[in-house]
Protein backbone atom coordinates (compact mmCIF):
# COMPACT_ATOMS: atom_id res chain seq x y z
CA MET A 1 44.33 -50.35 36.48
CA THR A 2 43.29 -50.94 39.57
CA GLN A 3 39.88 -51.71 39.93
CA PRO A 4 37.39 -49.80 42.67
CA VAL A 5 36.61 -51.65 45.52
CA HIS A 6 32.91 -51.38 46.41
CA LYS A 7 31.07 -52.51 49.47
CA LYS A 8 28.04 -54.36 49.62
CA PHE A 9 25.14 -52.31 50.60
CA ASP A 10 23.73 -53.65 53.56
CA PHE A 11 20.16 -52.86 55.63
CA GLY A 12 21.63 -53.81 58.78
CA THR A 13 18.65 -55.88 60.09
CA VAL A 14 18.23 -59.26 58.84
CA PHE A 15 15.38 -61.57 58.22
CA GLY A 16 14.50 -64.94 58.43
CA ASP A 17 12.53 -66.94 56.18
CA ALA A 18 9.16 -66.93 59.26
CA GLY A 19 9.79 -63.11 59.00
CA GLN A 20 11.73 -63.28 62.42
CA VAL A 21 14.36 -61.12 63.20
CA THR A 22 18.64 -62.81 62.64
CA ARG A 23 20.78 -60.40 63.03
CA ALA A 24 20.04 -56.49 64.07
CA PRO A 25 22.26 -53.13 63.58
CA VAL A 26 24.35 -52.83 66.33
CA GLN A 27 23.76 -50.01 68.07
CA LYS A 28 26.84 -48.20 69.29
CA ARG A 29 27.31 -47.06 73.22
CA SER A 30 30.22 -45.30 73.46
CA TYR A 31 31.99 -42.31 70.96
CA THR A 32 36.04 -41.56 70.85
CA PRO A 33 35.87 -37.77 71.96
CA GLU A 34 37.25 -37.41 68.09
CA GLU A 35 33.41 -38.47 67.39
CA VAL A 36 31.84 -36.82 69.74
CA GLU A 37 33.35 -33.29 68.69
CA THR A 38 32.67 -33.89 65.10
CA LEU A 39 28.91 -35.10 66.14
CA ARG A 40 28.75 -31.69 67.47
CA THR A 41 30.24 -29.68 64.74
CA ASN A 42 28.29 -31.21 62.50
CA ALA A 43 24.86 -30.84 64.47
CA TYR A 44 26.28 -27.19 65.03
CA HIS A 45 26.76 -26.79 61.24
CA ASP A 46 23.69 -28.03 60.11
CA GLY A 47 21.54 -26.37 63.42
CA GLU A 48 23.25 -22.83 62.03
CA GLN A 49 22.81 -23.33 58.49
CA SER A 50 18.76 -23.39 59.57
CA ALA A 51 19.17 -20.70 61.09
CA LEU A 52 20.43 -19.06 58.69
CA ALA A 53 18.13 -19.89 55.99
CA ARG A 54 15.20 -18.78 58.05
CA ALA A 55 16.47 -15.67 58.96
CA GLN A 56 17.01 -15.07 55.16
CA LEU A 57 13.36 -16.39 54.86
CA ALA A 58 12.40 -13.66 56.81
CA GLN A 59 14.38 -10.98 56.23
CA ALA A 60 13.29 -11.36 52.13
CA GLN A 61 9.85 -11.78 53.17
CA ALA A 62 9.61 -8.31 55.78
CA LEU A 63 11.37 -6.89 52.36
CA GLN A 64 8.81 -7.41 50.84
CA ALA A 65 6.34 -6.47 52.82
CA LEU A 66 8.02 -3.37 53.36
CA ALA A 67 8.11 -2.78 49.52
CA ASP A 68 4.29 -3.69 49.07
CA ALA A 69 3.38 -0.88 51.90
CA ALA A 70 5.84 1.20 50.15
CA HIS A 71 3.58 0.64 46.56
CA HIS A 72 0.23 1.09 48.70
CA GLY A 73 1.95 4.01 50.54
CA LEU A 74 3.14 6.08 47.32
CA SER A 75 -0.59 5.68 45.23
CA HIS A 76 -2.08 6.97 47.60
CA LEU A 77 0.30 9.93 47.78
CA GLN A 78 0.52 9.99 44.27
CA ASP A 79 -3.22 10.66 44.35
CA ALA A 80 -3.06 13.22 46.41
CA ILE A 81 -0.99 14.93 44.26
CA SER A 82 -3.13 14.42 41.49
CA ARG A 83 -5.83 16.15 43.29
CA HIS A 84 -4.13 19.07 44.53
CA LYS A 85 -2.84 19.70 41.03
CA ALA A 86 -6.36 19.92 39.63
CA ALA A 87 -7.11 21.10 42.57
CA CYS A 88 -4.41 24.28 42.26
CA ALA A 89 -5.16 24.56 38.28
CA GLN A 90 -8.50 24.51 38.75
CA LEU A 91 -8.68 28.25 41.47
CA ALA A 92 -6.01 29.40 38.70
CA LEU A 93 -8.19 29.39 35.75
CA ILE A 94 -10.95 30.75 38.43
CA CYS A 95 -8.81 33.59 39.18
CA ALA A 96 -7.49 34.20 35.03
CA GLN A 97 -11.39 34.02 34.92
CA LYS A 98 -11.98 36.46 37.54
CA ILE A 99 -9.42 39.20 35.93
CA SER A 100 -9.86 38.64 32.24
CA ALA A 101 -14.03 39.34 33.57
CA GLU A 102 -12.46 42.62 34.76
CA ALA A 103 -9.75 43.96 32.96
CA LEU A 104 -12.47 43.71 30.46
CA ASN A 105 -14.91 45.21 31.83
CA GLN A 106 -12.58 47.86 32.18
CA PHE A 107 -10.77 47.88 28.70
CA PRO A 108 -13.51 46.11 26.36
CA GLU A 109 -11.29 47.77 23.46
CA ALA A 110 -8.49 45.93 23.81
CA PRO A 111 -8.31 42.67 22.32
CA LEU A 112 -9.83 44.43 19.40
CA LYS A 113 -7.46 46.27 19.25
CA ALA A 114 -4.05 44.07 20.08
CA THR A 115 -5.88 42.24 16.76
CA LEU A 116 -6.30 45.28 14.25
CA GLU A 117 -2.77 46.21 15.54
CA ALA A 118 -1.56 42.17 14.73
CA LEU A 119 -3.15 42.44 11.17
CA THR A 120 -0.82 44.74 9.59
CA HIS A 121 0.02 42.40 6.44
CA GLU A 122 -3.65 41.04 6.21
CA ILE A 123 -5.67 44.28 6.03
CA ASP A 124 -3.49 46.75 4.80
CA THR A 125 -5.07 46.31 1.10
CA ALA A 126 -8.71 45.23 2.10
CA PRO A 127 -11.41 47.68 0.63
CA ARG A 128 -13.36 47.19 3.81
CA LEU A 129 -13.36 46.41 7.17
CA VAL A 130 -16.58 45.64 9.10
CA VAL A 131 -16.32 44.74 13.13
CA SER A 132 -19.03 43.57 15.07
CA VAL A 133 -18.90 43.88 18.67
CA PRO A 134 -21.11 44.01 21.65
CA ASN A 135 -21.41 47.39 22.20
CA PRO A 136 -19.37 50.16 19.46
CA ASP A 137 -19.44 52.73 21.13
CA ALA A 138 -17.25 56.22 20.82
CA SER A 139 -14.23 54.62 22.69
CA LEU A 140 -13.68 51.51 21.46
CA GLN A 141 -14.63 53.02 17.53
CA GLY A 142 -11.32 55.29 18.13
CA ALA A 143 -9.75 52.54 18.74
CA ALA A 144 -10.47 50.63 16.58
CA ARG A 145 -9.71 53.29 13.66
CA GLU A 146 -6.60 54.04 15.43
CA ALA A 147 -5.21 50.69 15.18
CA VAL A 148 -6.23 50.08 11.27
CA THR A 149 -4.38 53.61 10.80
CA LEU A 150 -0.75 52.18 12.44
CA ALA A 151 -1.97 49.09 10.27
CA GLY A 152 -1.72 50.62 7.53
CA PHE A 153 -4.99 50.02 6.58
CA THR A 154 -6.91 53.17 4.24
CA GLY A 155 -10.08 51.58 3.14
CA ALA A 156 -13.69 51.91 4.91
CA ILE A 157 -14.79 50.21 8.41
CA THR A 158 -17.86 49.26 9.24
CA PHE A 159 -19.08 49.06 12.86
CA ARG A 160 -21.85 46.80 13.75
CA THR A 161 -23.51 45.74 17.24
CA SER A 162 -23.87 41.89 18.24
CA SER A 163 -25.49 42.14 22.02
CA ALA A 164 -25.43 38.06 21.72
CA MET A 165 -21.25 38.54 22.37
CA PRO A 166 -20.35 38.56 26.02
CA VAL A 167 -17.90 41.99 26.95
CA GLY A 168 -14.90 42.14 24.81
CA ALA A 169 -15.73 39.50 22.10
CA PHE A 170 -15.74 40.29 18.78
CA GLU A 171 -15.55 39.29 14.56
CA VAL A 172 -13.73 41.25 12.07
CA MET A 173 -14.12 40.53 8.34
CA TRP A 174 -12.58 41.52 4.93
CA PRO A 175 -12.68 40.16 1.77
CA ASP A 176 -9.92 37.95 2.12
CA GLY A 177 -10.37 36.61 5.61
CA ARG A 178 -11.99 36.72 9.27
CA ALA A 179 -10.74 36.82 12.60
CA GLU A 180 -12.78 36.43 15.62
CA PHE A 181 -12.44 36.34 19.56
CA ASP A 182 -14.65 34.79 22.50
CA PRO A 183 -13.36 35.21 26.18
CA GLU A 184 -15.93 32.52 27.26
CA ARG A 185 -14.75 30.50 24.20
CA VAL A 186 -11.50 30.41 25.21
CA LEU A 187 -12.36 30.11 28.79
CA ASN A 188 -13.62 26.94 28.20
CA THR A 189 -11.16 25.32 25.73
CA LEU A 190 -8.07 26.47 28.29
CA ASP A 191 -10.68 24.57 30.92
CA THR A 192 -10.54 21.42 29.02
CA ALA A 193 -6.60 21.46 27.84
CA LEU A 194 -5.73 21.51 31.42
CA ARG A 195 -7.86 19.38 32.05
CA GLU A 196 -6.85 16.47 29.50
CA ALA A 197 -3.36 17.88 30.95
CA LEU A 198 -3.75 16.64 34.40
CA ALA A 199 -5.24 13.12 33.18
CA ALA A 200 -2.63 12.57 30.47
CA ASP A 201 -0.05 13.51 33.66
CA GLN A 202 -2.14 10.57 36.06
CA HIS A 203 -2.58 8.11 33.68
CA HIS A 204 1.50 8.53 33.22
CA HIS A 205 2.25 8.46 36.74
CA GLN A 206 -0.43 5.42 37.28
CA ALA A 207 1.48 3.80 34.03
CA THR A 208 4.82 3.82 35.49
CA PRO A 209 4.94 1.57 38.48
CA ALA A 210 4.00 -0.65 36.78
CA MET A 211 5.95 -0.80 34.25
CA LYS A 212 8.80 -1.48 36.47
CA ARG A 213 7.48 -3.58 38.35
CA GLU A 214 7.40 -5.29 34.78
CA ALA A 215 10.76 -4.38 34.11
């Protein structure tokens, strides 16, 4: 097997014992056209690779800047959407409150009548009912008696005045149970549920981009 020929490493410059230069590397003064073309090609290739690397770096930086700007803009956009949702929901709740208040002023017996009609199986065998309302006038009592009759109730019904209740509120009690309605409490419950839903929605949208970035 032929052993490879190793070329002795040569620094080019040789120094004497006193430190003087005894031999300096020979500087090539002339090149053949082929060598010139090779040097030119290599230099062009090196320059091209360097320019391509700089262009790729600039492109990556530009893309990162666009991504950061988009994320910043989307964050502000999401905040604006959340505020718009909250304002729309609050406006809808206020409108519902105004409409329900006017409806209760016009038909204060409607919630009580609807509830008694829905209590068919609960009150049909009860011996008596006690109904507390803000104003048990003749119209309300008539509507209530009609509703319990349709529910199959044949017992006694007693009406009590509870001036502390808001318009439309009531409480119905029988030996085995109780039913009540307070429009103000319902609106407060809706308002709380609405705020919690909006807060949860905003938290979800804030957490989603973070999860995507981690992924």
